[in-house]
């Protein structure tokens, strides 16, 4: 387990350990109502979170603090024992026993409370569960004590289930709000709204490094960093710059896209990964320009595509026909509209003055400013 993961575990367990200390306090309060004779027998002063000392020793994460126990009753107390166990994710996380041999009337005593967790016993999957998911912590505790001459015996059991909300409650990319804009005709910018909500126990900032991959996770398209405040619900937008080649792929090929988010919580420098995927709908999916041939003084070609994007397309087609010497022999401008989910199939007609050899079709989408060029050879 690396240092950053250790620090992440420290943050989670510090919150949990503080919960346990609070449970011990509840246990003591309940003991004061067992019998009027021993009313206000014991008072426990809780430590603050700053009073908990954390350290790493060999393969263990250690937490140490102290409770102040005071006997405010009429009788001395002997053999005070407090045991507690913590369960979560269908396993025992840790257990401990606090023992005090004697607490005389009016005596106040500092009692050490500690926790030791072997780091190798905590899997990365468990940490991810604590970070991103809601779970339950079950705390089982028991207090026993004896009074003078063993004539009276106190025993109290107290079990509590605490709901853990996770540290990162929400990390969502709102793909339905995706927008694309041109980037100086050399690529494009893909912008995705997002929402992050973190546990209100956290303070500071989180840095989220998001890398966009292809479906096979072998090619990284782009990477960006966003900074979000912790402890609140935060909405923003992340933008990825795509180069010209990737932009052309995204225009004509609907595909699955993977987003790997590495979340770093400032202060404790703990990092976790979160993976989401998105079915990208290309605006000109399966674009085909073919069957280009000459008919008398015209060139004709078939054009088809499927608008898999969520937006209405306003397309301007600038068509140019060239001869073998790359001299322009004919031009035409066409307009096409396509609703989301619509299949478009049409035939292009261009008047020519010469012998055509190839055709260039520049497609410009007015809503985004994105351009794409298709080329086709004219059949002799």
Protein backbone atom coordinates (compact mmCIF):
# COMPACT_ATOMS: atom_id res chain seq x y z
CA UNK A 1 0.00 0.00 0.00
CA UNK A 2 1.59 3.27 -1.12
CA UNK A 3 1.90 6.41 1.02
CA UNK A 4 -1.05 8.22 -0.60
CA UNK A 5 -3.34 5.26 -0.03
CA UNK A 6 -2.17 5.05 3.59
CA UNK A 7 -3.07 8.68 4.09
CA UNK A 8 -6.45 8.06 2.52
CA UNK A 9 -7.09 5.21 4.93
CA UNK A 10 -6.04 7.46 7.80
CA UNK A 11 -8.68 10.04 6.88
CA UNK A 12 -11.47 7.47 6.67
CA UNK A 13 -10.54 5.69 9.89
CA UNK A 14 -10.09 8.97 11.78
CA UNK A 15 -13.73 9.76 11.10
CA UNK A 16 -14.78 6.25 12.14
CA UNK A 17 -12.64 6.29 15.29
CA UNK A 18 -14.24 9.58 16.32
CA UNK A 19 -17.62 7.84 15.94
CA UNK A 20 -16.48 5.05 18.25
CA UNK A 21 -15.38 7.49 20.93
CA UNK A 22 -18.83 9.08 20.73
CA UNK A 23 -20.45 5.64 21.15
CA UNK A 24 -18.43 5.05 24.31
CA UNK A 25 -19.80 8.30 25.66
CA UNK A 26 -23.37 7.17 24.89
CA UNK A 27 -22.63 3.90 26.65
CA UNK A 28 -21.52 5.75 29.78
CA UNK A 29 -24.55 8.04 29.74
CA UNK A 30 -26.88 5.05 29.53
CA UNK A 31 -25.17 3.47 32.52
CA UNK A 32 -26.28 6.36 34.74
CA UNK A 33 -29.93 5.35 34.36
CA UNK A 34 -29.58 1.70 35.35
CA UNK A 35 -30.45 2.19 39.02
CA UNK A 36 -31.20 5.26 41.14
CA UNK A 37 -28.72 4.00 43.73
CA UNK A 38 -25.84 4.44 41.35
CA UNK A 39 -27.20 7.47 39.52
CA UNK A 40 -24.39 9.62 38.09
CA UNK A 41 -21.95 6.87 38.88
CA UNK A 42 -19.58 7.71 36.04
CA UNK A 43 -18.85 10.71 33.90
CA UNK A 44 -16.76 10.51 30.71
CA UNK A 45 -15.13 13.52 29.11
CA UNK A 46 -14.66 13.09 25.37
CA UNK A 47 -11.48 14.08 23.55
CA UNK A 48 -11.65 16.39 20.54
CA UNK A 49 -10.64 15.18 17.09
CA UNK A 50 -7.40 17.15 17.47
CA UNK A 51 -6.58 15.06 20.56
CA UNK A 52 -6.41 11.87 18.48
CA UNK A 53 -2.79 11.06 17.57
CA UNK A 54 -2.24 9.13 14.34
CA UNK A 55 0.94 7.38 13.34
CA UNK A 56 2.32 4.61 11.12
CA UNK A 57 4.42 1.93 12.76
CA UNK A 58 5.74 -1.00 10.77
CA UNK A 59 2.68 -2.31 8.92
CA UNK A 60 0.10 -0.74 11.22
CA UNK A 61 -1.93 2.45 11.31
CA UNK A 62 -2.22 3.53 14.95
CA UNK A 63 -4.69 5.88 16.63
CA UNK A 64 -4.30 6.93 20.25
CA UNK A 65 -6.34 9.20 22.48
CA UNK A 66 -7.67 9.28 26.01
CA UNK A 67 -10.97 9.42 27.88
CA UNK A 68 -11.30 11.11 31.25
CA UNK A 69 -13.44 8.90 33.53
CA UNK A 70 -14.72 10.28 36.85
CA UNK A 71 -16.62 8.45 39.61
CA UNK A 72 -19.31 10.83 40.83
CA UNK A 73 -21.34 8.19 42.67
CA UNK A 74 -21.46 6.94 46.28
CA UNK A 75 -19.38 3.77 45.89
CA UNK A 76 -16.00 2.82 44.57
CA UNK A 77 -16.04 0.99 41.24
CA UNK A 78 -13.82 -1.98 40.41
CA UNK A 79 -12.98 -4.07 37.35
CA UNK A 80 -14.44 -1.62 34.86
CA UNK A 81 -14.30 -3.15 31.39
CA UNK A 82 -15.48 -1.62 28.13
CA UNK A 83 -15.25 -3.75 25.00
CA UNK A 84 -16.21 -2.69 21.51
CA UNK A 85 -16.14 -4.19 18.03
CA UNK A 86 -16.55 -2.49 14.67
CA UNK A 87 -18.07 -4.33 11.71
CA UNK A 88 -18.46 -3.21 8.10
CA UNK A 89 -18.53 -4.80 4.65
CA UNK A 90 -19.24 -8.20 6.22
CA UNK A 91 -16.04 -8.27 8.24
CA UNK A 92 -14.62 -7.16 11.59
CA UNK A 93 -12.52 -4.07 11.06
CA UNK A 94 -11.14 -4.03 14.59
CA UNK A 95 -11.98 -4.60 18.24
CA UNK A 96 -10.54 -3.48 21.56
CA UNK A 97 -11.00 -3.64 25.31
CA UNK A 98 -10.57 -0.81 27.85
CA UNK A 99 -9.85 -1.88 31.43
CA UNK A 100 -9.76 0.15 34.65
CA UNK A 101 -8.99 -1.79 37.84
CA UNK A 102 -10.39 0.73 40.32
CA UNK A 103 -12.11 4.10 40.26
CA UNK A 104 -12.65 5.48 43.76
CA UNK A 105 -15.41 7.89 44.73
CA UNK A 106 -14.50 11.35 43.43
CA UNK A 107 -11.51 10.02 41.51
CA UNK A 108 -10.80 11.19 37.97
CA UNK A 109 -8.61 9.03 35.75
CA UNK A 110 -7.20 9.36 32.24
CA UNK A 111 -7.89 6.13 30.32
CA UNK A 112 -6.04 5.44 27.05
CA UNK A 113 -8.08 4.41 24.02
CA UNK A 114 -6.29 3.08 20.96
CA UNK A 115 -6.86 1.42 17.63
CA UNK A 116 -4.43 -0.52 15.44
CA UNK A 117 -5.22 -1.53 11.85
CA UNK A 118 -2.86 -3.72 9.84
CA UNK A 119 -2.58 -1.98 6.48
CA UNK A 120 -2.07 -5.16 4.48
CA UNK A 121 -5.48 -6.37 5.67
CA UNK A 122 -7.26 -3.45 4.00
CA UNK A 123 -7.79 -4.09 0.28
CA UNK A 124 -8.02 -1.30 -2.28
CA UNK A 125 -11.57 -2.47 -3.04
CA UNK A 126 -12.54 -1.77 0.57
CA UNK A 127 -11.13 1.74 0.39
CA UNK A 128 -13.03 2.38 -2.84
CA UNK A 129 -16.21 1.14 -1.15
CA UNK A 130 -15.73 3.63 1.69
CA UNK A 131 -15.01 6.47 -0.72
CA UNK A 132 -17.78 6.06 -3.28
CA UNK A 133 -20.57 4.08 -1.63
CA UNK A 134 -22.95 4.14 1.29
CA UNK A 135 -22.48 1.37 3.82
CA UNK A 136 -23.23 0.66 7.47
CA UNK A 137 -20.81 0.55 10.40
CA UNK A 138 -22.08 -1.67 13.19
CA UNK A 139 -20.59 -0.97 16.61
CA UNK A 140 -21.16 -3.50 19.40
CA UNK A 141 -20.13 -2.37 22.88
CA UNK A 142 -20.39 -3.71 26.42
CA UNK A 143 -19.64 -2.16 29.81
CA UNK A 144 -19.22 -4.13 33.03
CA UNK A 145 -18.19 -3.05 36.56
CA UNK A 146 -18.31 -4.26 40.17
CA UNK A 147 -19.08 -2.39 43.36
CA UNK A 148 -17.81 -2.97 46.97
CA UNK A 149 -17.92 -6.50 48.32
CA UNK A 150 -19.15 -7.65 44.85
CA UNK A 151 -22.71 -7.16 46.10
CA UNK A 152 -23.61 -5.15 43.02
CA UNK A 153 -22.67 -5.81 39.43
CA UNK A 154 -23.26 -3.49 36.50
CA UNK A 155 -23.53 -4.76 32.96
CA UNK A 156 -24.72 -2.78 29.97
CA UNK A 157 -24.80 -3.63 26.27
CA UNK A 158 -25.20 -1.02 23.59
CA UNK A 159 -25.21 -1.68 19.85
CA UNK A 160 -25.36 1.03 17.24
CA UNK A 161 -25.56 1.09 13.44
CA UNK A 162 -24.09 4.17 11.82
CA UNK A 163 -24.72 4.94 8.16
CA UNK A 164 -21.61 5.87 6.24
CA UNK A 165 -22.40 8.18 3.34
CA UNK A 166 -19.11 7.77 1.54
CA UNK A 167 -16.63 10.56 0.94
CA UNK A 168 -17.58 11.15 -2.70
CA UNK A 169 -21.37 10.93 -2.89
CA UNK A 170 -21.74 11.97 -6.51
CA UNK A 171 -19.40 12.17 -9.46
CA UNK A 172 -21.50 12.41 -12.58
CA UNK A 173 -20.82 13.58 -16.10
CA UNK A 174 -24.03 14.92 -17.63
CA UNK A 175 -23.52 13.52 -21.09
CA UNK A 176 -26.88 14.74 -22.34
CA UNK A 177 -25.45 18.26 -22.10
CA UNK A 178 -22.32 17.55 -24.18
CA UNK A 179 -21.37 20.32 -26.61
CA UNK A 180 -18.74 20.53 -29.35
CA UNK A 181 -17.09 23.65 -30.75
CA UNK A 182 -14.44 24.20 -33.40
CA UNK A 183 -10.86 24.91 -32.39
CA UNK A 184 -9.36 27.14 -35.11
CA UNK A 185 -10.06 24.47 -37.73
CA UNK A 186 -7.30 22.37 -36.19
CA UNK A 187 -9.51 20.27 -33.94
CA UNK A 188 -12.39 20.71 -31.55
CA UNK A 189 -13.33 21.20 -27.92
CA UNK A 190 -15.61 18.66 -26.29
CA UNK A 191 -17.33 20.16 -23.22
CA UNK A 192 -19.16 18.04 -20.65
CA UNK A 193 -21.15 19.40 -17.67
CA UNK A 194 -20.42 17.57 -14.42
CA UNK A 195 -21.64 17.42 -10.84
CA UNK A 196 -19.59 16.49 -7.77
CA UNK A 197 -20.90 16.16 -4.22
CA UNK A 198 -18.61 15.23 -1.35
CA UNK A 199 -19.24 14.41 2.29
CA UNK A 200 -19.74 17.52 4.46
CA UNK A 201 -17.10 16.09 6.82
CA UNK A 202 -14.50 17.13 4.26
CA UNK A 203 -12.93 20.56 3.82
CA UNK A 204 -10.66 22.13 1.24
CA UNK A 205 -10.49 21.24 -2.45
CA UNK A 206 -10.43 18.14 -4.58
CA UNK A 207 -8.43 17.84 -7.78
CA UNK A 208 -9.98 15.59 -10.39
CA UNK A 209 -7.71 14.53 -13.26
CA UNK A 210 -9.92 13.11 -16.00
CA UNK A 211 -8.45 11.18 -18.95
CA UNK A 212 -10.62 10.24 -21.92
CA UNK A 213 -9.78 6.90 -23.53
CA UNK A 214 -11.04 4.78 -26.38
CA UNK A 215 -13.08 1.67 -25.64
CA UNK A 216 -10.03 -0.58 -25.40
CA UNK A 217 -8.27 1.76 -22.94
CA UNK A 218 -5.20 1.74 -25.20
CA UNK A 219 -5.45 5.25 -26.65
CA UNK A 220 -5.79 8.40 -24.55
CA UNK A 221 -7.70 11.07 -26.44
CA UNK A 222 -7.23 13.93 -23.99
CA UNK A 223 -6.72 14.75 -20.30
CA UNK A 224 -7.86 17.67 -18.19
CA UNK A 225 -7.92 18.71 -14.51
CA UNK A 226 -10.77 20.31 -12.60
CA UNK A 227 -10.73 21.71 -9.07
CA UNK A 228 -13.86 21.39 -6.94
CA UNK A 229 -14.61 22.50 -3.35
CA UNK A 230 -15.13 19.73 -0.80
CA UNK A 231 -18.09 19.30 1.50
CA UNK A 232 -20.66 20.73 -0.93
CA UNK A 233 -22.50 19.95 -4.15
CA UNK A 234 -20.66 21.57 -7.05
CA UNK A 235 -21.54 21.87 -10.73
CA UNK A 236 -19.19 22.88 -13.51
CA UNK A 237 -17.96 21.96 -16.96
CA UNK A 238 -14.86 20.13 -18.12
CA UNK A 239 -13.49 20.63 -21.63
CA UNK A 240 -11.25 18.33 -23.65
CA UNK A 241 -9.21 19.57 -26.59
CA UNK A 242 -9.21 17.03 -29.42
CA UNK A 243 -6.71 17.25 -32.27
CA UNK A 244 -7.77 17.23 -35.90
CA UNK A 245 -7.41 13.47 -36.41
CA UNK A 246 -9.41 12.55 -33.32
CA UNK A 247 -12.02 15.19 -34.19
CA UNK A 248 -12.53 13.57 -37.60
CA UNK A 249 -12.96 10.18 -35.95
CA UNK A 250 -15.55 11.58 -33.56
CA UNK A 251 -17.47 13.19 -36.42
CA UNK A 252 -17.94 9.98 -38.42
CA UNK A 253 -17.72 7.11 -35.95
CA UNK A 254 -20.08 6.48 -33.02
CA UNK A 255 -18.11 4.73 -30.30
CA UNK A 256 -17.81 3.94 -26.62
CA UNK A 257 -15.60 6.36 -24.66
CA UNK A 258 -14.06 5.67 -21.25
CA UNK A 259 -13.39 8.37 -18.65
CA UNK A 260 -10.90 7.60 -15.87
CA UNK A 261 -11.08 10.14 -13.04
CA UNK A 262 -8.33 10.27 -10.42
CA UNK A 263 -9.63 12.19 -7.42
CA UNK A 264 -7.11 13.75 -5.06
CA UNK A 265 -8.37 15.22 -1.79
CA UNK A 266 -6.13 18.11 -0.76
CA UNK A 267 -4.47 18.13 2.63
CA UNK A 268 -4.26 14.38 3.09
CA UNK A 269 -3.24 13.78 -0.55
CA UNK A 270 -5.43 10.71 -0.89
CA UNK A 271 -6.30 9.57 -4.40
CA UNK A 272 -8.90 7.23 -5.83
CA UNK A 273 -9.94 6.27 -9.33
CA UNK A 274 -13.46 6.36 -10.73
CA UNK A 275 -14.43 4.99 -14.15
CA UNK A 276 -17.41 5.94 -16.30
CA UNK A 277 -18.21 5.28 -19.93
CA UNK A 278 -20.23 7.09 -22.54
CA UNK A 279 -21.74 6.01 -25.85
CA UNK A 280 -20.58 8.79 -28.16
CA UNK A 281 -23.03 9.49 -30.99
CA UNK A 282 -21.27 10.82 -34.08
CA UNK A 283 -23.14 13.50 -36.05
CA UNK A 284 -22.10 11.99 -39.38
CA UNK A 285 -21.91 8.36 -38.37
CA UNK A 286 -21.02 6.01 -41.23
CA UNK A 287 -20.62 8.93 -43.62
CA UNK A 288 -20.31 7.64 -47.17
CA UNK A 289 -19.64 9.63 -50.35
CA UNK A 290 -19.44 7.28 -53.31
CA UNK A 291 -20.65 6.22 -56.72
CA UNK A 292 -19.23 9.43 -58.17
CA UNK A 293 -19.56 9.41 -61.95
CA UNK A 294 -19.91 11.78 -64.90
CA UNK A 295 -23.20 12.19 -66.74
CA UNK A 296 -22.81 14.51 -69.76
CA UNK A 297 -21.98 17.90 -68.16
CA UNK A 298 -22.60 16.83 -64.57
CA UNK A 299 -20.91 14.88 -61.81
CA UNK A 300 -23.19 12.89 -59.56
CA UNK A 301 -22.36 11.24 -56.24
CA UNK A 302 -24.32 9.55 -53.47
CA UNK A 303 -24.02 10.87 -49.90
CA UNK A 304 -25.42 9.23 -46.77
CA UNK A 305 -24.95 9.34 -43.00
CA UNK A 306 -26.82 8.76 -39.74
CA UNK A 307 -27.09 11.59 -37.20
CA UNK A 308 -26.35 9.74 -33.95
CA UNK A 309 -25.72 12.98 -32.05
CA UNK A 310 -28.34 14.46 -29.69
CA UNK A 311 -28.50 17.75 -31.62
CA UNK A 312 -30.20 19.10 -34.74
CA UNK A 313 -27.64 19.60 -37.52
CA UNK A 314 -27.49 22.53 -39.92
CA UNK A 315 -25.03 21.40 -42.59
CA UNK A 316 -23.49 23.43 -45.38
CA UNK A 317 -21.84 21.35 -48.12
CA UNK A 318 -19.20 23.06 -50.25
CA UNK A 319 -18.62 20.72 -53.22
CA UNK A 320 -15.66 21.16 -55.60
CA UNK A 321 -14.79 19.07 -58.66
CA UNK A 322 -11.21 18.92 -60.02
CA UNK A 323 -9.53 17.59 -63.14
CA UNK A 324 -6.30 15.59 -63.34
CA UNK A 325 -4.24 18.78 -63.01
CA UNK A 326 -6.11 19.82 -59.82
CA UNK A 327 -7.86 22.56 -61.75
CA UNK A 328 -11.34 23.45 -60.55
CA UNK A 329 -13.97 22.40 -63.11
CA UNK A 330 -17.18 22.73 -61.06
CA UNK A 331 -18.61 23.91 -57.72
CA UNK A 332 -21.88 23.62 -55.84
CA UNK A 333 -23.18 24.58 -52.39
CA UNK A 334 -25.93 22.55 -50.74
CA UNK A 335 -27.75 22.80 -47.42
CA UNK A 336 -28.89 19.79 -45.42
CA UNK A 337 -30.72 19.57 -42.10
CA UNK A 338 -30.77 16.44 -39.97
CA UNK A 339 -32.71 15.76 -36.77
CA UNK A 340 -31.19 13.66 -34.02
CA UNK A 341 -31.50 9.99 -34.96
CA UNK A 342 -32.29 10.75 -38.62
CA UNK A 343 -30.80 8.80 -41.52
CA UNK A 344 -29.93 11.07 -44.46
CA UNK A 345 -29.48 9.82 -48.02
CA UNK A 346 -29.19 12.15 -51.00
CA UNK A 347 -27.56 12.57 -54.43
CA UNK A 348 -25.16 15.42 -55.22
CA UNK A 349 -25.32 17.11 -58.66
CA UNK A 350 -22.54 19.46 -59.83
CA UNK A 351 -22.38 21.19 -63.22
CA UNK A 352 -18.87 20.85 -64.70
CA UNK A 353 -16.74 22.39 -67.45
CA UNK A 354 -13.95 19.93 -68.08
CA UNK A 355 -12.92 16.34 -67.42
CA UNK A 356 -13.49 15.49 -63.72
CA UNK A 357 -11.20 13.13 -61.80
CA UNK A 358 -12.02 13.70 -58.12
CA UNK A 359 -14.44 15.53 -55.82
CA UNK A 360 -13.91 17.25 -52.46
CA UNK A 361 -16.89 17.76 -50.13
CA UNK A 362 -16.36 20.15 -47.19
CA UNK A 363 -19.13 19.74 -44.61
CA UNK A 364 -19.60 22.62 -42.20
CA UNK A 365 -21.93 22.38 -39.17
CA UNK A 366 -23.20 25.86 -38.33
CA UNK A 367 -24.22 25.10 -34.74
CA UNK A 368 -20.73 24.05 -33.65
CA UNK A 369 -18.44 25.42 -36.35
CA UNK A 370 -16.93 21.94 -36.85
CA UNK A 371 -15.79 21.00 -40.38
CA UNK A 372 -15.11 17.71 -42.12
CA UNK A 373 -13.75 16.96 -45.59
CA UNK A 374 -14.62 13.91 -47.64
CA UNK A 375 -12.95 13.04 -50.96
CA UNK A 376 -14.05 10.67 -53.69
CA UNK A 377 -12.65 9.65 -57.08
CA UNK A 378 -14.89 10.10 -60.14
CA UNK A 379 -15.37 6.92 -62.15
CA UNK A 380 -14.10 7.41 -65.70
